[in-house]
C-alpha cells in the first residue's frame, strides 16, 4: 500500500511539472510576441520621426533663398541721418609728425 501512495505522489508531481512547463512555454511565446510588437512599433515611430524631421528641418530650403538685409531706402535714410548728426564723417588724415625742440 505504501508503494502506491508514493507512485500517486510521483505522478502528481510529474503532472504538475508538465503543467508548469506548458504554462512557461505559453508565457515565453507571449513574451516573444510582445517583444516583436514593441520592436515593430519602435521602428514605425522612428521612421515617422525621420519623415517629420526631414520636412521640418530649418536648414532644408523649401523656397528660394533671399538675402537678409535692410531695404535700400532705409539704409540711405540712416546714413544721411548719421552724416547730419556728425556721427559718421569722412576719414581724416593722421596728425603730422612733430619734432621736439632741442
C-alpha atoms as a PDB file:
ATOM      1  CA  UNK A   1       0.000   0.000   0.000  1.00  0.00           C
ATOM      2  CA  UNK A   2       2.791   2.371   0.824  1.00  0.00           C
ATOM      3  CA  UNK A   3       4.241   1.981  -2.659  1.00  0.00           C
ATOM      4  CA  UNK A   4       1.009   3.010  -4.379  1.00  0.00           C
ATOM      5  CA  UNK A   5       0.883   6.256  -2.415  1.00  0.00           C
ATOM      6  CA  UNK A   6       4.450   7.076  -3.472  1.00  0.00           C
ATOM      7  CA  UNK A   7       3.569   6.352  -7.080  1.00  0.00           C
ATOM      8  CA  UNK A   8       0.492   8.593  -6.820  1.00  0.00           C
ATOM      9  CA  UNK A   9       2.580  11.433  -5.347  1.00  0.00           C
ATOM     10  CA  UNK A  10       5.220  10.949  -8.015  1.00  0.00           C
ATOM     11  CA  UNK A  11       2.686  11.006 -10.836  1.00  0.00           C
ATOM     12  CA  UNK A  12       1.049  14.141  -9.340  1.00  0.00           C
ATOM     13  CA  UNK A  13       4.424  15.842  -9.249  1.00  0.00           C
ATOM     14  CA  UNK A  14       5.115  14.865 -12.837  1.00  0.00           C
ATOM     15  CA  UNK A  15       1.705  16.149 -13.914  1.00  0.00           C
ATOM     16  CA  UNK A  16       2.246  19.418 -12.048  1.00  0.00           C
ATOM     17  CA  UNK A  17       5.702  19.793 -13.570  1.00  0.00           C
ATOM     18  CA  UNK A  18       4.347  19.140 -17.057  1.00  0.00           C
ATOM     19  CA  UNK A  19       1.539  21.649 -16.489  1.00  0.00           C
ATOM     20  CA  UNK A  20       4.043  24.215 -15.215  1.00  0.00           C
ATOM     21  CA  UNK A  21       6.283  23.626 -18.240  1.00  0.00           C
ATOM     22  CA  UNK A  22       3.313  24.165 -20.568  1.00  0.00           C
ATOM     23  CA  UNK A  23       2.445  27.435 -18.757  1.00  0.00           C
ATOM     24  CA  UNK A  24       6.020  28.639 -19.015  1.00  0.00           C
ATOM     25  CA  UNK A  25       6.157  27.780 -22.702  1.00  0.00           C
ATOM     26  CA  UNK A  26       2.971  29.801 -23.296  1.00  0.00           C
ATOM     27  CA  UNK A  27       4.360  32.710 -21.270  1.00  0.00           C
ATOM     28  CA  UNK A  28       7.596  32.646 -23.279  1.00  0.00           C
ATOM     29  CA  UNK A  29       5.624  32.635 -26.521  1.00  0.00           C
ATOM     30  CA  UNK A  30       3.541  35.636 -25.372  1.00  0.00           C
ATOM     31  CA  UNK A  31       6.688  37.483 -24.229  1.00  0.00           C
ATOM     32  CA  UNK A  32       8.335  36.871 -27.587  1.00  0.00           C
ATOM     33  CA  UNK A  33       5.242  38.226 -29.380  1.00  0.00           C
ATOM     34  CA  UNK A  34       5.192  41.286 -27.134  1.00  0.00           C
ATOM     35  CA  UNK A  35       8.894  41.948 -27.801  1.00  0.00           C
ATOM     36  CA  UNK A  36       8.356  41.650 -31.542  1.00  0.00           C
ATOM     37  CA  UNK A  37       5.377  44.006 -31.345  1.00  0.00           C
ATOM     38  CA  UNK A  38       7.343  46.577 -29.381  1.00  0.00           C
ATOM     39  CA  UNK A  39      10.239  46.353 -31.820  1.00  0.00           C
ATOM     40  CA  UNK A  40       7.891  46.887 -34.766  1.00  0.00           C
ATOM     41  CA  UNK A  41       6.223  49.822 -33.008  1.00  0.00           C
ATOM     42  CA  UNK A  42       9.605  51.356 -32.205  1.00  0.00           C
ATOM     43  CA  UNK A  43      10.732  51.034 -35.818  1.00  0.00           C
ATOM     44  CA  UNK A  44       7.494  52.637 -37.041  1.00  0.00           C
ATOM     45  CA  UNK A  45       7.840  55.560 -34.606  1.00  0.00           C
ATOM     46  CA  UNK A  46      11.486  56.020 -35.603  1.00  0.00           C
ATOM     47  CA  UNK A  47      10.570  56.058 -39.304  1.00  0.00           C
ATOM     48  CA  UNK A  48       7.769  58.564 -38.738  1.00  0.00           C
ATOM     49  CA  UNK A  49      10.110  60.793 -36.726  1.00  0.00           C
ATOM     50  CA  UNK A  50      12.640  60.712 -39.576  1.00  0.00           C
ATOM     51  CA  UNK A  51       9.987  61.797 -42.085  1.00  0.00           C
ATOM     52  CA  UNK A  52       8.730  64.608 -39.851  1.00  0.00           C
ATOM     53  CA  UNK A  53      12.281  65.763 -39.111  1.00  0.00           C
ATOM     54  CA  UNK A  54      13.144  65.912 -42.802  1.00  0.00           C
ATOM     55  CA  UNK A  55      10.110  68.053 -43.590  1.00  0.00           C
ATOM     56  CA  UNK A  56      10.506  70.409 -40.643  1.00  0.00           C
ATOM     57  CA  UNK A  57      14.308  70.835 -40.654  1.00  0.00           C
ATOM     58  CA  UNK A  58      15.071  74.558 -40.545  1.00  0.00           C
ATOM     59  CA  UNK A  59      18.072  74.313 -42.881  1.00  0.00           C
ATOM     60  CA  UNK A  60      16.117  72.495 -45.543  1.00  0.00           C
ATOM     61  CA  UNK A  61      15.347  75.107 -48.241  1.00  0.00           C
ATOM     62  CA  UNK A  62      11.706  74.788 -49.237  1.00  0.00           C
ATOM     63  CA  UNK A  63      11.675  78.087 -51.140  1.00  0.00           C
ATOM     64  CA  UNK A  64      14.336  80.117 -52.960  1.00  0.00           C
ATOM     65  CA  UNK A  65      16.726  81.856 -50.588  1.00  0.00           C
ATOM     66  CA  UNK A  66      16.506  85.642 -50.204  1.00  0.00           C
ATOM     67  CA  UNK A  67      19.131  87.941 -48.719  1.00  0.00           C
ATOM     68  CA  UNK A  68      18.576  89.123 -45.160  1.00  0.00           C
ATOM     69  CA  UNK A  69      19.318  92.829 -45.428  1.00  0.00           C
ATOM     70  CA  UNK A  70      17.546  96.085 -44.791  1.00  0.00           C
ATOM     71  CA  UNK A  71      15.772  97.813 -47.681  1.00  0.00           C
ATOM     72  CA  UNK A  72      17.936 100.292 -49.598  1.00  0.00           C
ATOM     73  CA  UNK A  73      15.697 103.267 -48.727  1.00  0.00           C
ATOM     74  CA  UNK A  74      16.142 102.532 -45.002  1.00  0.00           C
ATOM     75  CA  UNK A  75      19.937 102.319 -45.416  1.00  0.00           C
ATOM     76  CA  UNK A  76      20.033 105.675 -47.255  1.00  0.00           C
ATOM     77  CA  UNK A  77      17.989 107.419 -44.544  1.00  0.00           C
ATOM     78  CA  UNK A  78      20.144 106.038 -41.726  1.00  0.00           C
ATOM     79  CA  UNK A  79      23.384 107.069 -43.469  1.00  0.00           C
ATOM     80  CA  UNK A  80      22.014 110.545 -44.163  1.00  0.00           C
ATOM     81  CA  UNK A  81      20.909 110.989 -40.531  1.00  0.00           C
ATOM     82  CA  UNK A  82      24.300 109.834 -39.198  1.00  0.00           C
ATOM     83  CA  UNK A  83      26.182 112.184 -41.521  1.00  0.00           C
ATOM     84  CA  UNK A  84      23.972 115.121 -40.495  1.00  0.00           C
ATOM     85  CA  UNK A  85      24.484 114.347 -36.810  1.00  0.00           C
ATOM     86  CA  UNK A  86      28.241 114.173 -37.272  1.00  0.00           C
ATOM     87  CA  UNK A  87      28.459 110.606 -36.038  1.00  0.00           C
ATOM     88  CA  UNK A  88      29.907 109.384 -39.306  1.00  0.00           C
ATOM     89  CA  UNK A  89      32.315 111.698 -41.073  1.00  0.00           C
ATOM     90  CA  UNK A  90      34.857 111.301 -43.809  1.00  0.00           C
ATOM     91  CA  UNK A  91      38.183 109.909 -42.716  1.00  0.00           C
ATOM     92  CA  UNK A  92      40.707 112.429 -41.533  1.00  0.00           C
ATOM     93  CA  UNK A  93      44.449 112.344 -42.094  1.00  0.00           C
ATOM     94  CA  UNK A  94      46.582 111.417 -39.120  1.00  0.00           C
ATOM     95  CA  UNK A  95      48.232 114.337 -37.363  1.00  0.00           C
ATOM     96  CA  UNK A  96      51.509 115.475 -38.865  1.00  0.00           C
ATOM     97  CA  UNK A  97      54.796 114.421 -37.321  1.00  0.00           C
ATOM     98  CA  UNK A  98      56.131 116.923 -34.804  1.00  0.00           C
ATOM     99  CA  UNK A  99      59.710 117.179 -33.722  1.00  0.00           C
ATOM    100  CA  UNK A 100      60.823 118.229 -30.329  1.00  0.00           C
ATOM    101  CA  UNK A 101      62.791 121.408 -29.862  1.00  0.00           C
ATOM    102  CA  UNK A 102      66.359 120.634 -28.939  1.00  0.00           C
END
